[in-house]
Amino acid sequence: MTVNADDRPTAMDCYNHQWFKDVSSGSVTNVAIDPDVMNNLRKFQGHSTLRRACLTILVKMINPKEFLKLRDQFNSIDTNLSGTIEAAELKAAIKQSDSKLTDAEID
């Protein structure tokens, strides 16, 4: 995107651009999405839906003091502040606690 209007291409420049020529000639075809990408998108969507549902239940069922405590615990485990707890973060938090779990049990 060009902020300065004087530097933007004209309508004729756009019309004569190679991309439009390819589209009008039919040489641009739909590229199939890699199945791995689709699976990852499905997983992402599922996690997001599950996360929203869990948060909704928590908010409705937990009293505010317990919610704040749970949020603080979550934030202390989420060391990279991504909004999710990754496996390595969870493993580190469990190891720092007084838990007697083995590495295999943690994994």
C-alpha atoms as a PDB file:
ATOM      1  CA  MET A   1       0.000   0.000   0.000  1.00  0.00           C
ATOM      2  CA  THR A   2       1.291   3.388  -0.915  1.00  0.00           C
ATOM      3  CA  VAL A   3       0.203   6.208   1.376  1.00  0.00           C
ATOM      4  CA  ASN A   4       1.028   9.036  -1.016  1.00  0.00           C
ATOM      5  CA  ALA A   5      -1.624   9.092  -3.735  1.00  0.00           C
ATOM      6  CA  ASP A   6       0.799  10.562  -6.270  1.00  0.00           C
ATOM      7  CA  ASP A   7       3.015   7.475  -5.976  1.00  0.00           C
ATOM      8  CA  ARG A   8       0.180   4.982  -6.486  1.00  0.00           C
ATOM      9  CA  PRO A   9      -0.304   3.238  -9.840  1.00  0.00           C
ATOM     10  CA  THR A  10      -3.084   4.550 -12.043  1.00  0.00           C
ATOM     11  CA  ALA A  11      -6.086   2.465 -12.993  1.00  0.00           C
ATOM     12  CA  MET A  12      -4.526   1.921 -16.427  1.00  0.00           C
ATOM     13  CA  ASP A  13      -1.251   0.753 -14.814  1.00  0.00           C
ATOM     14  CA  CYS A  14      -3.222  -1.753 -12.767  1.00  0.00           C
ATOM     15  CA  TYR A  15      -5.231  -2.879 -15.772  1.00  0.00           C
ATOM     16  CA  ASN A  16      -2.027  -3.515 -17.712  1.00  0.00           C
ATOM     17  CA  HIS A  17      -0.369  -5.366 -14.819  1.00  0.00           C
ATOM     18  CA  GLN A  18       0.703  -8.945 -15.592  1.00  0.00           C
ATOM     19  CA  TRP A  19      -1.443 -10.408 -12.800  1.00  0.00           C
ATOM     20  CA  PHE A  20      -4.640  -9.130 -14.395  1.00  0.00           C
ATOM     21  CA  LYS A  21      -3.527 -10.428 -17.774  1.00  0.00           C
ATOM     22  CA  ASP A  22      -2.927 -13.876 -16.286  1.00  0.00           C
ATOM     23  CA  VAL A  23      -6.295 -13.908 -14.545  1.00  0.00           C
ATOM     24  CA  SER A  24      -8.199 -12.834 -17.637  1.00  0.00           C
ATOM     25  CA  SER A  25      -6.422 -15.438 -19.767  1.00  0.00           C
ATOM     26  CA  GLY A  26      -7.197 -18.210 -17.282  1.00  0.00           C
ATOM     27  CA  SER A  27      -3.539 -19.026 -16.624  1.00  0.00           C
ATOM     28  CA  VAL A  28      -3.972 -18.463 -12.869  1.00  0.00           C
ATOM     29  CA  THR A  29      -5.538 -21.506 -11.286  1.00  0.00           C
ATOM     30  CA  ASN A  30      -6.539 -22.238  -7.731  1.00  0.00           C
ATOM     31  CA  VAL A  31      -3.654 -23.764  -5.845  1.00  0.00           C
ATOM     32  CA  ALA A  32      -4.595 -26.637  -3.570  1.00  0.00           C
ATOM     33  CA  ILE A  33      -3.848 -26.046   0.096  1.00  0.00           C
ATOM     34  CA  ASP A  34      -1.382 -28.512   1.585  1.00  0.00           C
ATOM     35  CA  PRO A  35      -3.263 -31.129   3.683  1.00  0.00           C
ATOM     36  CA  ASP A  36      -0.922 -30.463   6.617  1.00  0.00           C
ATOM     37  CA  VAL A  37      -1.870 -26.806   6.542  1.00  0.00           C
ATOM     38  CA  MET A  38      -5.558 -27.724   6.552  1.00  0.00           C
ATOM     39  CA  ASN A  39      -5.083 -30.102   9.484  1.00  0.00           C
ATOM     40  CA  ASN A  40      -3.239 -27.433  11.430  1.00  0.00           C
ATOM     41  CA  LEU A  41      -6.021 -24.947  10.721  1.00  0.00           C
ATOM     42  CA  ARG A  42      -8.616 -27.432  11.933  1.00  0.00           C
ATOM     43  CA  LYS A  43      -6.627 -28.065  15.094  1.00  0.00           C
ATOM     44  CA  PHE A  44      -6.228 -24.340  15.673  1.00  0.00           C
ATOM     45  CA  GLN A  45      -9.926 -23.774  15.246  1.00  0.00           C
ATOM     46  CA  GLY A  46     -10.739 -26.649  17.585  1.00  0.00           C
ATOM     47  CA  HIS A  47      -8.416 -25.332  20.258  1.00  0.00           C
ATOM     48  CA  SER A  48      -9.900 -21.877  19.965  1.00  0.00           C
ATOM     49  CA  THR A  49     -13.445 -23.202  20.278  1.00  0.00           C
ATOM     50  CA  LEU A  50     -12.525 -25.395  23.223  1.00  0.00           C
ATOM     51  CA  ARG A  51     -10.671 -22.556  24.894  1.00  0.00           C
ATOM     52  CA  ARG A  52     -13.642 -20.202  24.522  1.00  0.00           C
ATOM     53  CA  ALA A  53     -16.019 -22.831  25.891  1.00  0.00           C
ATOM     54  CA  CYS A  54     -13.783 -23.536  28.887  1.00  0.00           C
ATOM     55  CA  LEU A  55     -13.375 -19.866  29.660  1.00  0.00           C
ATOM     56  CA  THR A  56     -17.116 -19.340  29.434  1.00  0.00           C
ATOM     57  CA  ILE A  57     -17.743 -22.158  31.898  1.00  0.00           C
ATOM     58  CA  LEU A  58     -15.034 -20.900  34.250  1.00  0.00           C
ATOM     59  CA  VAL A  59     -16.370 -17.373  34.237  1.00  0.00           C
ATOM     60  CA  LYS A  60     -19.891 -18.570  35.019  1.00  0.00           C
ATOM     61  CA  MET A  61     -18.958 -21.082  37.700  1.00  0.00           C
ATOM     62  CA  ILE A  62     -15.982 -19.697  39.570  1.00  0.00           C
ATOM     63  CA  ASN A  63     -16.101 -16.910  42.102  1.00  0.00           C
ATOM     64  CA  PRO A  64     -14.024 -13.801  41.307  1.00  0.00           C
ATOM     65  CA  LYS A  65     -11.329 -14.493  43.926  1.00  0.00           C
ATOM     66  CA  GLU A  66     -10.760 -18.019  42.621  1.00  0.00           C
ATOM     67  CA  PHE A  67     -10.699 -16.738  39.038  1.00  0.00           C
ATOM     68  CA  LEU A  68      -8.036 -14.155  39.877  1.00  0.00           C
ATOM     69  CA  LYS A  69      -5.946 -16.822  41.607  1.00  0.00           C
ATOM     70  CA  LEU A  70      -6.298 -19.144  38.613  1.00  0.00           C
ATOM     71  CA  ARG A  71      -5.409 -16.320  36.218  1.00  0.00           C
ATOM     72  CA  ASP A  72      -2.305 -15.490  38.251  1.00  0.00           C
ATOM     73  CA  GLN A  73      -1.228 -19.143  38.208  1.00  0.00           C
ATOM     74  CA  PHE A  74      -1.777 -19.325  34.459  1.00  0.00           C
ATOM     75  CA  ASN A  75       0.240 -16.145  33.913  1.00  0.00           C
ATOM     76  CA  SER A  76       3.095 -17.457  36.053  1.00  0.00           C
ATOM     77  CA  ILE A  77       3.293 -20.615  33.907  1.00  0.00           C
ATOM     78  CA  ASP A  78       2.923 -18.723  30.598  1.00  0.00           C
ATOM     79  CA  THR A  79       6.472 -17.354  30.753  1.00  0.00           C
ATOM     80  CA  ASN A  80       6.598 -16.166  27.113  1.00  0.00           C
ATOM     81  CA  LEU A  81       3.255 -14.338  27.503  1.00  0.00           C
ATOM     82  CA  SER A  82       1.749 -16.036  24.456  1.00  0.00           C
ATOM     83  CA  GLY A  83      -1.667 -16.515  26.049  1.00  0.00           C
ATOM     84  CA  THR A  84      -1.275 -20.285  25.928  1.00  0.00           C
ATOM     85  CA  ILE A  85       0.698 -22.715  28.019  1.00  0.00           C
ATOM     86  CA  GLU A  86       3.129 -24.608  25.858  1.00  0.00           C
ATOM     87  CA  ALA A  87       4.408 -28.069  26.715  1.00  0.00           C
ATOM     88  CA  ALA A  88       7.860 -26.810  27.733  1.00  0.00           C
ATOM     89  CA  GLU A  89       6.343 -24.152  30.000  1.00  0.00           C
ATOM     90  CA  LEU A  90       4.085 -26.698  31.675  1.00  0.00           C
ATOM     91  CA  LYS A  91       6.964 -29.124  32.119  1.00  0.00           C
ATOM     92  CA  ALA A  92       9.138 -26.411  33.689  1.00  0.00           C
ATOM     93  CA  ALA A  93       6.324 -25.379  36.051  1.00  0.00           C
ATOM     94  CA  ILE A  94       5.718 -28.961  37.165  1.00  0.00           C
ATOM     95  CA  LYS A  95       9.437 -29.513  37.762  1.00  0.00           C
ATOM     96  CA  GLN A  96       9.599 -26.314  39.864  1.00  0.00           C
ATOM     97  CA  SER A  97       6.696 -27.481  42.014  1.00  0.00           C
ATOM     98  CA  ASP A  98       6.987 -30.094  44.756  1.00  0.00           C
ATOM     99  CA  SER A  99       5.518 -32.705  42.422  1.00  0.00           C
ATOM    100  CA  LYS A 100       7.137 -36.130  42.386  1.00  0.00           C
ATOM    101  CA  LEU A 101       6.148 -36.867  38.776  1.00  0.00           C
ATOM    102  CA  THR A 102       8.694 -38.506  36.516  1.00  0.00           C
ATOM    103  CA  ASP A 103       9.633 -36.998  33.141  1.00  0.00           C
ATOM    104  CA  ALA A 104       7.612 -39.732  31.419  1.00  0.00           C
ATOM    105  CA  GLU A 105       4.527 -38.888  33.484  1.00  0.00           C
ATOM    106  CA  ILE A 106       4.954 -35.188  32.753  1.00  0.00           C
ATOM    107  CA  ASP A 107       5.263 -35.853  29.016  1.00  0.00           C
END
